[in-house]
Amino acid sequence: MLRKTTFTIGLLGTASLLAMPAEAIAQDQALEQEVESLREQVAQLKAREAHSNERLQALETRLLQMEVEPISTAEAGSVRGRYVPEPQKPHSTTSNLDFFRNGRVGQGFDRLAQITNAQDPDADLVSGRTVDEEPVQKAPNPTEAVQDIVQQQQGTQRSRFGAELAVGYSHFGDARINLDGFLALDAIFLGTISIDEVDADILTTEATLRYGLTDDLFFDVSAPFLYRTSTFRSGGAGGAANQPVEVTKNHGGIGDMSIGASYQILRETASRPNIVLSGRVKFPTGREPYGIDFVEVEGSEGNLQVPATLATGSGVYGASLGISALKTIDPMVVFGSLNYFYNFERNFADIDENPGDQPGRVDIGNALQFGAGLAFALNEKSSISMSYSQRLVERSRLRLEGLDWQRVIGSQANVALVNMGATFSVAEAMSLITTVGIGLTDDSPDMVVGLRVPYRF
């Protein structure tokens, strides 16, 4: 019995020993399958990580490119999340300069340079130019207020649409002594002496609409409305110096409308200024100064005659062509311009101030105007400017019907002004430009005050 039990235990032990390698093999195979599954999962994770890195790199590239060229409205619709359009900040006339307005010229700039150069080693980071071309102007950083000076001087703007409302006031004062007689013995005057004085005030309201056809070509249309007040005084009425006479005339109406165009022929770079070519055509929509009768003022004994009404326009068609240059020198902007004004001859049914119609032809003198100035940026929202302008006007001519041309004595003029201004950015797309001008010659207005409110859409 004992031997039978011992044999049974031996058989069980031998069976156990034979079964152990089979279980170990099964466990090893399961472990290898699990390791292989883990390897596959790791490979999948690595592939996902590589794909995520590619997408992240593409997003970084697009983000840096958007800093150079803002995202369009159409592209914004496909972007996830909330889209807030970037406020218009017309820092410069060159869109490439806007990349530098927030000082982002560090790591992001170098990263974008690496990405761009990897695609095209000869391509420039900002403007797409080749490395052999002249670099664009990267400094200084013009403010919004200085951009308004750019628009005022060169007629360009960063937005497609713009509107401007301007109000101006000018004052003229003129006094003269009229001698109606002759000198006896070269020392004694025999005749009538009168002292005449004229004070003229002109209030102008002008509305302007601008449209940018391209980034370099802009058109505008302007419609002014004038209100004039002139006061005429004469001393020595009737031969008595203590009997002055005075009369005031008022008249308002639309002025001469005009359309203009500005084309940016050269963009500002590190070594050259921004150059704009401009032209303008004027239409005689205002009241012409010809054919206005002069009437004698009652009580002046013939010493004082005044126009029956006041003119609000020149009465002739005109055209002008000019060129302007502007250079940014941090924190200063320097600008200058040269313009030529041409007036076309025109026939009128009456060109004489006497009663009755006297037909004839008028040739208003052409003019050459030049000027220069500078502006300083005080901070991000304001700037001050100073400028000088001078216009040289040729003598006008008249030709009565059936007669030869006659020059109008005293019609030539030399108008010189010194202007001082301040510009303030009062809203995201609106600015306030103020100017004060002081006349330097007898032909210039005594003072000119202007207020302009440009708005960008």
Protein backbone atom coordinates (compact mmCIF):
# COMPACT_ATOMS: atom_id res chain seq x y z
CA MET A 1 0.00 0.00 0.00
CA LEU A 2 2.81 2.34 0.90
CA ARG A 3 4.62 1.49 -2.33
CA LYS A 4 1.51 2.20 -4.37
CA THR A 5 1.10 5.60 -2.73
CA THR A 6 4.73 6.50 -3.35
CA PHE A 7 4.42 5.58 -7.01
CA THR A 8 1.33 7.74 -7.37
CA ILE A 9 3.07 10.78 -5.88
CA GLY A 10 6.00 10.26 -8.20
CA LEU A 11 3.79 10.22 -11.23
CA LEU A 12 2.10 13.44 -10.13
CA GLY A 13 5.45 15.17 -9.62
CA THR A 14 6.69 14.03 -12.98
CA ALA A 15 3.52 15.35 -14.64
CA SER A 16 3.94 18.67 -12.89
CA LEU A 17 7.50 18.98 -14.06
CA LEU A 18 6.46 18.18 -17.62
CA ALA A 19 3.64 20.80 -17.53
CA MET A 20 5.75 23.77 -16.27
CA PRO A 21 7.67 24.54 -19.49
CA ALA A 22 4.42 24.73 -21.45
CA GLU A 23 2.99 27.38 -19.11
CA ALA A 24 6.22 29.39 -19.17
CA ILE A 25 6.22 29.33 -22.92
CA ALA A 26 2.61 30.53 -22.99
CA GLN A 27 3.42 33.37 -20.57
CA ASP A 28 6.45 34.42 -22.62
CA GLN A 29 4.37 34.50 -25.77
CA ALA A 30 1.68 36.65 -24.05
CA LEU A 31 4.38 39.01 -22.76
CA GLU A 32 5.90 39.34 -26.22
CA GLN A 33 2.48 40.13 -27.70
CA GLU A 34 1.92 42.78 -25.04
CA VAL A 35 5.35 44.31 -25.70
CA GLU A 36 4.65 44.33 -29.43
CA SER A 37 1.31 46.04 -28.79
CA LEU A 38 3.03 48.64 -26.64
CA ARG A 39 5.60 49.22 -29.37
CA GLU A 40 2.82 49.77 -31.88
CA GLN A 41 1.13 52.25 -29.53
CA VAL A 42 4.44 54.09 -29.01
CA ALA A 43 4.93 54.25 -32.78
CA GLN A 44 1.43 55.63 -33.21
CA LEU A 45 2.06 58.22 -30.48
CA LYS A 46 5.30 59.25 -32.14
CA ALA A 47 3.52 59.62 -35.48
CA ARG A 48 0.82 61.76 -33.85
CA GLU A 49 3.49 63.85 -32.15
CA ALA A 50 5.28 64.41 -35.45
CA HIS A 51 1.99 65.38 -37.11
CA SER A 52 1.20 67.75 -34.23
CA ASN A 53 4.64 69.32 -34.50
CA GLU A 54 4.11 69.88 -38.22
CA ARG A 55 0.76 71.55 -37.58
CA LEU A 56 2.26 73.64 -34.77
CA GLN A 57 5.08 74.77 -37.05
CA ALA A 58 2.56 75.66 -39.77
CA LEU A 59 0.52 77.67 -37.26
CA GLU A 60 3.62 79.50 -36.05
CA THR A 61 4.53 80.33 -39.62
CA ARG A 62 1.03 81.61 -40.37
CA LEU A 63 0.98 83.64 -37.15
CA LEU A 64 4.23 85.37 -37.97
CA GLN A 65 3.08 85.97 -41.54
CA MET A 66 -0.12 87.54 -40.25
CA GLU A 67 2.02 90.03 -38.32
CA VAL A 68 3.53 91.07 -41.64
CA GLU A 69 0.28 90.86 -43.63
CA PRO A 70 -2.96 90.95 -41.56
CA ILE A 71 -5.48 88.17 -42.05
CA SER A 72 -8.25 88.88 -44.51
CA THR A 73 -11.92 88.85 -43.64
CA ALA A 74 -12.50 85.77 -45.80
CA GLU A 75 -9.75 83.86 -44.04
CA ALA A 76 -11.05 84.96 -40.66
CA GLY A 77 -14.30 83.07 -41.27
CA SER A 78 -12.41 79.77 -41.35
CA VAL A 79 -10.48 80.39 -38.14
CA ARG A 80 -11.76 78.66 -35.03
CA GLY A 81 -12.57 80.75 -32.02
CA ARG A 82 -13.50 84.38 -31.81
CA TYR A 83 -12.06 86.70 -34.46
CA VAL A 84 -11.37 90.28 -33.48
CA PRO A 85 -10.23 92.43 -36.43
CA GLU A 86 -7.06 94.36 -35.84
CA PRO A 87 -7.73 98.10 -35.43
CA GLN A 88 -6.47 100.23 -38.27
CA LYS A 89 -3.21 101.84 -37.27
CA PRO A 90 -1.85 103.76 -40.24
CA HIS A 91 1.68 104.08 -38.93
CA SER A 92 3.34 104.50 -42.28
CA THR A 93 2.76 104.72 -45.98
CA THR A 94 4.44 101.33 -46.40
CA SER A 95 2.56 98.34 -45.06
CA ASN A 96 5.83 96.46 -44.50
CA LEU A 97 6.76 98.92 -41.77
CA ASP A 98 3.78 97.91 -39.63
CA PHE A 99 5.59 94.70 -38.65
CA PHE A 100 7.99 96.77 -36.61
CA ARG A 101 5.47 99.03 -34.86
CA ASN A 102 5.22 96.77 -31.80
CA GLY A 103 8.91 95.97 -31.62
CA ARG A 104 8.51 92.31 -32.68
CA VAL A 105 11.96 91.97 -34.18
CA GLY A 106 13.41 89.31 -31.86
CA GLN A 107 12.86 85.58 -31.71
CA GLY A 108 9.72 85.59 -33.87
CA PHE A 109 11.53 87.58 -36.54
CA ASP A 110 14.46 85.16 -36.57
CA ARG A 111 12.09 82.18 -36.70
CA LEU A 112 10.21 83.62 -39.67
CA ALA A 113 13.54 84.36 -41.35
CA GLN A 114 14.59 80.74 -40.96
CA ILE A 115 11.30 79.47 -42.38
CA THR A 116 11.38 81.91 -45.29
CA ASN A 117 15.03 81.34 -46.14
CA ALA A 118 14.51 77.57 -46.01
CA GLN A 119 11.94 77.91 -48.78
CA ASP A 120 13.81 80.53 -50.80
CA PRO A 121 17.29 81.62 -49.61
CA ASP A 122 17.19 84.69 -51.87
CA ALA A 123 13.75 85.85 -50.69
CA ASP A 124 13.41 88.78 -48.28
CA LEU A 125 11.49 88.29 -45.05
CA VAL A 126 9.11 91.22 -45.29
CA SER A 127 8.73 92.49 -48.82
CA GLY A 128 9.58 89.42 -50.89
CA ARG A 129 12.51 91.21 -52.53
CA THR A 130 15.85 89.53 -53.25
CA VAL A 131 18.85 90.10 -51.03
CA ASP A 132 20.48 92.23 -53.72
CA GLU A 133 17.71 94.84 -53.54
CA GLU A 134 17.72 97.80 -51.19
CA PRO A 135 16.16 97.04 -47.76
CA VAL A 136 12.93 98.71 -46.82
CA GLN A 137 12.81 101.34 -44.12
CA LYS A 138 12.59 99.53 -40.75
CA ALA A 139 12.86 102.58 -38.53
CA PRO A 140 11.53 104.82 -37.18
CA ASN A 141 8.11 103.81 -35.93
CA PRO A 142 5.64 106.47 -37.16
CA THR A 143 2.63 107.14 -34.98
CA GLU A 144 -1.00 107.37 -35.99
CA ALA A 145 -0.81 111.14 -35.71
CA VAL A 146 2.14 111.34 -38.10
CA GLN A 147 0.21 109.26 -40.64
CA ASP A 148 -2.40 112.02 -40.70
CA ILE A 149 0.39 114.39 -41.68
CA VAL A 150 1.29 111.97 -44.47
CA GLN A 151 -2.32 111.99 -45.67
CA GLN A 152 -2.50 115.76 -45.47
CA GLN A 153 0.72 116.32 -47.39
CA GLN A 154 0.55 113.51 -49.96
CA GLY A 155 -3.11 112.49 -50.21
CA THR A 156 -2.50 108.80 -49.44
CA GLN A 157 -4.06 106.67 -46.73
CA ARG A 158 -3.94 103.07 -45.47
CA SER A 159 -7.68 102.39 -45.73
CA ARG A 160 -9.69 101.97 -48.92
CA PHE A 161 -12.35 104.53 -48.02
CA GLY A 162 -11.99 107.82 -46.20
CA ALA A 163 -13.92 111.00 -45.56
CA GLU A 164 -12.87 114.38 -44.26
CA LEU A 165 -14.65 117.46 -43.03
CA ALA A 166 -12.64 120.68 -42.95
CA VAL A 167 -13.48 124.12 -41.63
CA GLY A 168 -11.26 127.11 -42.38
CA TYR A 169 -11.25 130.80 -41.58
CA SER A 170 -9.11 133.47 -43.18
CA HIS A 171 -8.89 137.21 -42.66
CA PHE A 172 -7.64 139.85 -45.10
CA GLY A 173 -7.00 143.48 -44.33
CA ASP A 174 -6.03 146.14 -46.85
CA ALA A 175 -5.74 149.90 -46.58
CA ARG A 176 -4.81 152.32 -49.33
CA ILE A 177 -4.79 156.02 -50.10
CA ASN A 178 -6.50 157.12 -53.31
CA LEU A 179 -5.29 160.34 -54.98
CA ASP A 180 -7.49 161.85 -57.66
CA GLY A 181 -5.70 164.96 -58.94
CA PHE A 182 -2.23 166.20 -59.93
CA LEU A 183 0.93 167.71 -58.48
CA ALA A 184 1.55 171.43 -58.95
CA LEU A 185 5.18 172.59 -58.89
CA ASP A 186 6.16 169.00 -58.06
CA ALA A 187 5.21 169.57 -54.42
CA ILE A 188 1.56 170.59 -54.04
CA PHE A 189 -1.22 168.07 -54.71
CA LEU A 190 -4.42 169.47 -56.14
CA GLY A 191 -7.43 167.13 -56.13
CA THR A 192 -9.31 164.71 -53.88
CA ILE A 193 -7.67 162.46 -51.30
CA SER A 194 -9.54 159.47 -49.86
CA ILE A 195 -8.41 156.71 -47.50
CA ASP A 196 -9.98 153.33 -48.30
CA GLU A 197 -9.87 150.23 -46.12
CA VAL A 198 -11.19 146.74 -46.84
CA ASP A 199 -11.56 143.94 -44.29
CA ALA A 200 -12.54 140.54 -45.68
CA ASP A 201 -13.41 137.37 -43.76
CA ILE A 202 -13.94 134.02 -45.47
CA LEU A 203 -15.40 130.98 -43.73
CA THR A 204 -14.99 127.77 -45.71
CA THR A 205 -16.54 124.36 -45.06
CA GLU A 206 -15.26 121.57 -47.27
CA ALA A 207 -16.27 117.91 -47.51
CA THR A 208 -13.90 115.40 -49.12
CA LEU A 209 -14.36 111.74 -50.03
CA ARG A 210 -11.36 109.49 -50.75
CA TYR A 211 -11.09 106.06 -52.33
CA GLY A 212 -8.03 103.88 -52.75
CA LEU A 213 -8.18 101.92 -55.97
CA THR A 214 -4.92 100.17 -55.10
CA ASP A 215 -2.34 100.49 -52.35
CA ASP A 216 -0.62 103.20 -54.40
CA LEU A 217 -3.42 104.94 -56.32
CA PHE A 218 -6.00 107.17 -54.58
CA PHE A 219 -8.83 109.38 -55.82
CA ASP A 220 -10.75 112.10 -54.04
CA VAL A 221 -13.57 114.55 -54.70
CA SER A 222 -13.99 117.81 -52.81
CA ALA A 223 -16.94 120.20 -52.50
CA PRO A 224 -16.44 123.51 -50.63
CA PHE A 225 -19.02 125.96 -49.34
CA LEU A 226 -17.96 129.58 -48.75
CA TYR A 227 -19.44 132.40 -46.73
CA ARG A 228 -17.81 135.78 -47.31
CA THR A 229 -18.10 139.03 -45.40
CA SER A 230 -16.37 142.17 -46.67
CA THR A 231 -16.43 145.57 -45.00
CA PHE A 232 -15.54 148.62 -47.09
CA ARG A 233 -14.56 151.91 -45.44
CA SER A 234 -13.61 155.23 -46.97
CA GLY A 235 -12.36 158.35 -45.27
CA GLY A 236 -12.51 161.80 -46.78
CA ALA A 237 -16.00 161.49 -48.18
CA GLY A 238 -16.96 164.69 -49.94
CA GLY A 239 -13.49 166.09 -49.30
CA ALA A 240 -13.83 165.99 -45.50
CA ALA A 241 -11.52 163.58 -43.68
CA ASN A 242 -13.77 163.50 -40.62
CA GLN A 243 -16.69 161.99 -42.58
CA PRO A 244 -15.90 158.28 -43.04
CA VAL A 245 -18.31 155.98 -44.82
CA GLU A 246 -18.71 152.21 -44.25
CA VAL A 247 -20.69 149.41 -45.87
CA THR A 248 -20.68 145.61 -45.38
CA LYS A 249 -21.44 142.97 -47.98
CA ASN A 250 -22.25 139.31 -47.24
CA HIS A 251 -22.64 136.40 -49.60
CA GLY A 252 -22.46 132.61 -49.35
CA GLY A 253 -22.57 129.77 -51.82
CA ILE A 254 -20.86 126.70 -53.15
CA GLY A 255 -17.26 127.11 -54.25
CA ASP A 256 -15.29 125.49 -57.03
CA MET A 257 -15.54 121.69 -56.82
CA SER A 258 -12.54 119.55 -57.72
CA ILE A 259 -11.41 115.97 -58.19
CA GLY A 260 -7.90 114.73 -57.61
CA ALA A 261 -5.64 111.69 -57.82
CA SER A 262 -2.47 110.70 -55.98
CA TYR A 263 -0.07 107.98 -57.07
CA GLN A 264 2.78 106.69 -54.97
CA ILE A 265 5.61 106.23 -57.45
CA LEU A 266 8.30 105.32 -54.91
CA ARG A 267 7.95 103.80 -51.47
CA GLU A 268 10.08 104.93 -48.58
CA THR A 269 13.25 102.93 -47.95
CA ALA A 270 16.24 103.33 -45.68
CA SER A 271 17.89 105.75 -48.10
CA ARG A 272 15.11 107.36 -50.15
CA PRO A 273 11.89 109.23 -49.31
CA ASN A 274 8.32 108.36 -50.11
CA ILE A 275 7.46 110.13 -53.39
CA VAL A 276 3.90 110.81 -54.54
CA LEU A 277 2.73 112.33 -57.84
CA SER A 278 -0.61 114.16 -57.64
CA GLY A 279 -2.99 115.92 -59.99
CA ARG A 280 -6.23 117.85 -59.63
CA VAL A 281 -8.93 119.29 -61.88
CA LYS A 282 -11.08 122.23 -60.74
CA PHE A 283 -14.53 123.08 -62.05
CA PRO A 284 -16.08 126.60 -62.01
CA THR A 285 -19.12 125.71 -59.88
CA GLY A 286 -18.84 128.83 -57.73
CA ARG A 287 -19.99 132.37 -58.50
CA GLU A 288 -17.46 133.95 -60.88
CA PRO A 289 -16.10 137.44 -60.09
CA TYR A 290 -16.79 138.76 -63.61
CA GLY A 291 -19.85 140.70 -64.62
CA ILE A 292 -20.51 141.94 -61.05
CA ASP A 293 -21.54 145.57 -61.16
CA PHE A 294 -20.03 148.14 -58.79
CA VAL A 295 -22.42 150.55 -57.11
CA GLU A 296 -21.68 153.84 -55.46
CA VAL A 297 -22.20 153.98 -51.70
CA GLU A 298 -24.67 156.61 -50.67
CA GLY A 299 -23.04 159.54 -48.90
CA SER A 300 -19.51 158.82 -50.15
CA GLU A 301 -19.63 161.57 -52.79
CA GLY A 302 -18.26 159.15 -55.34
CA ASN A 303 -15.24 158.14 -53.24
CA LEU A 304 -16.44 154.61 -52.49
CA GLN A 305 -17.82 152.00 -54.89
CA VAL A 306 -18.46 148.43 -53.81
CA PRO A 307 -19.48 145.24 -55.70
CA ALA A 308 -23.16 144.39 -55.73
CA THR A 309 -22.37 140.81 -54.62
CA LEU A 310 -19.30 138.73 -53.75
CA ALA A 311 -17.78 135.90 -55.73
CA THR A 312 -17.27 132.37 -54.38
CA GLY A 313 -15.17 130.94 -57.23
CA SER A 314 -12.63 131.78 -59.90
CA GLY A 315 -15.00 131.31 -62.84
CA VAL A 316 -12.56 129.26 -64.93
CA TYR A 317 -11.48 125.64 -65.26
CA GLY A 318 -8.14 124.79 -63.72
CA ALA A 319 -5.70 121.92 -63.39
CA SER A 320 -2.68 121.31 -61.22
CA LEU A 321 0.19 118.85 -61.18
CA GLY A 322 2.53 118.33 -58.28
CA ILE A 323 5.10 116.09 -56.67
CA SER A 324 5.78 115.63 -52.98
CA ALA A 325 8.43 113.82 -50.97
CA LEU A 326 8.33 112.62 -47.37
CA LYS A 327 11.09 111.05 -45.26
CA THR A 328 10.84 109.60 -41.78
CA ILE A 329 13.76 110.46 -39.49
CA ASP A 330 12.85 109.29 -36.02
CA PRO A 331 11.20 111.08 -34.27
CA MET A 332 10.80 113.59 -37.10
CA VAL A 333 9.05 113.52 -40.47
CA VAL A 334 10.37 115.87 -43.17
CA PHE A 335 8.26 116.72 -46.23
CA GLY A 336 8.30 119.02 -49.22
CA SER A 337 6.20 119.65 -52.33
CA LEU A 338 6.18 121.45 -55.67
CA ASN A 339 2.94 122.23 -57.57
CA TYR A 340 2.04 124.05 -60.78
CA PHE A 341 -1.45 125.50 -61.32
CA TYR A 342 -2.79 126.14 -64.80
CA ASN A 343 -5.98 128.12 -65.51
CA PHE A 344 -7.77 127.76 -68.84
CA GLU A 345 -8.98 130.80 -70.76
CA ARG A 346 -12.73 131.29 -70.84
CA ASN A 347 -15.29 133.60 -72.48
CA PHE A 348 -17.85 135.52 -70.41
CA ALA A 349 -20.91 137.48 -71.41
CA ASP A 350 -19.77 140.35 -69.20
CA ILE A 351 -16.27 140.98 -67.85
CA ASP A 352 -16.68 144.67 -66.96
CA GLU A 353 -17.84 146.09 -63.61
CA ASN A 354 -19.74 148.91 -65.26
CA PRO A 355 -23.50 148.66 -65.89
CA GLY A 356 -24.36 146.82 -69.10
CA ASP A 357 -22.88 143.68 -70.59
CA GLN A 358 -19.42 143.79 -72.07
CA PRO A 359 -18.45 140.34 -73.45
CA GLY A 360 -14.85 139.27 -73.45
CA ARG A 361 -12.28 136.61 -72.64
CA VAL A 362 -10.38 136.10 -69.38
CA ASP A 363 -6.97 134.54 -68.83
CA ILE A 364 -6.18 134.15 -65.13
CA GLY A 365 -2.49 133.98 -64.35
CA ASN A 366 -0.96 130.57 -63.68
CA ALA A 367 0.85 129.90 -60.41
CA LEU A 368 3.81 127.99 -59.03
CA GLN A 369 3.73 126.84 -55.42
CA PHE A 370 6.43 125.23 -53.32
CA GLY A 371 6.75 124.42 -49.66
CA ALA A 372 8.50 122.34 -47.03
CA GLY A 373 8.03 121.43 -43.41
CA LEU A 374 8.54 118.93 -40.65
CA ALA A 375 6.51 117.15 -38.01
CA PHE A 376 7.52 115.85 -34.57
CA ALA A 377 5.83 112.92 -32.86
CA LEU A 378 5.17 113.88 -29.24
CA ASN A 379 3.72 110.47 -28.34
CA GLU A 380 1.67 107.68 -29.88
CA LYS A 381 -1.42 109.87 -30.32
CA SER A 382 -0.22 113.39 -31.08
CA SER A 383 2.30 115.39 -33.08
CA ILE A 384 3.14 118.97 -33.95
CA SER A 385 4.16 120.33 -37.34
CA MET A 386 5.68 123.43 -38.90
CA SER A 387 5.76 124.32 -42.58
CA TYR A 388 6.33 127.12 -45.05
CA SER A 389 4.56 127.59 -48.39
CA GLN A 390 4.82 130.20 -51.11
CA ARG A 391 2.76 130.72 -54.26
CA LEU A 392 3.86 132.93 -57.13
CA VAL A 393 0.93 134.04 -59.31
CA GLU A 394 1.37 135.46 -62.82
CA ARG A 395 -0.42 138.56 -64.05
CA SER A 396 -3.95 138.06 -65.42
CA ARG A 397 -5.17 139.31 -68.80
CA LEU A 398 -8.51 140.51 -70.18
CA ARG A 399 -9.63 140.95 -73.76
CA LEU A 400 -12.79 142.83 -74.51
CA GLU A 401 -14.64 141.71 -77.59
CA GLY A 402 -13.05 143.27 -80.68
CA LEU A 403 -9.97 144.52 -78.77
CA ASP A 404 -6.49 143.25 -77.94
CA TRP A 405 -5.36 141.58 -74.75
CA GLN A 406 -4.78 143.88 -71.80
CA ARG A 407 -2.86 143.05 -68.66
CA VAL A 408 -4.62 143.58 -65.35
CA ILE A 409 -2.32 145.83 -63.35
CA GLY A 410 -1.74 144.56 -59.83
CA SER A 411 -3.11 141.08 -60.54
CA GLN A 412 0.22 139.32 -59.95
CA ALA A 413 0.69 138.07 -56.41
CA ASN A 414 3.24 136.59 -54.04
CA VAL A 415 1.52 134.66 -51.27
CA ALA A 416 3.73 133.29 -48.49
CA LEU A 417 2.55 131.61 -45.29
CA VAL A 418 4.13 130.09 -42.21
CA ASN A 419 1.96 127.31 -40.81
CA MET A 420 1.97 125.68 -37.40
CA GLY A 421 -0.21 122.71 -36.56
CA ALA A 422 -1.03 119.97 -34.10
CA THR A 423 -2.54 116.55 -34.76
CA PHE A 424 -4.42 114.39 -32.28
CA SER A 425 -5.75 110.85 -32.65
CA VAL A 426 -9.15 111.06 -30.93
CA ALA A 427 -10.52 107.63 -31.92
CA GLU A 428 -9.49 104.41 -33.59
CA ALA A 429 -10.22 105.69 -37.10
CA MET A 430 -10.58 109.43 -36.57
CA SER A 431 -8.10 112.24 -36.01
CA LEU A 432 -8.14 115.97 -35.40
CA ILE A 433 -5.77 118.24 -37.34
CA THR A 434 -5.45 121.91 -36.41
CA THR A 435 -3.40 124.55 -38.25
CA VAL A 436 -2.69 128.25 -37.87
CA GLY A 437 -1.09 130.24 -40.68
CA ILE A 438 0.46 133.69 -40.63
CA GLY A 439 0.87 135.73 -43.82
CA LEU A 440 4.31 137.13 -44.65
CA THR A 441 3.56 139.29 -47.71
CA ASP A 442 1.03 141.99 -48.65
CA ASP A 443 -0.78 139.56 -50.93
CA SER A 444 -1.13 136.92 -48.21
CA PRO A 445 -4.04 136.67 -45.79
CA ASP A 446 -3.25 138.12 -42.39
CA MET A 447 -4.18 134.87 -40.69
CA VAL A 448 -5.55 131.45 -41.57
CA VAL A 449 -7.06 128.99 -39.10
CA GLY A 450 -8.00 125.45 -40.10
CA LEU A 451 -9.63 122.43 -38.49
CA ARG A 452 -9.75 119.06 -40.25
CA VAL A 453 -11.35 115.80 -39.13
CA PRO A 454 -10.35 112.83 -41.33
CA TYR A 455 -12.14 109.51 -40.83
CA ARG A 456 -10.97 106.15 -42.19
CA PHE A 457 -13.41 103.34 -42.97
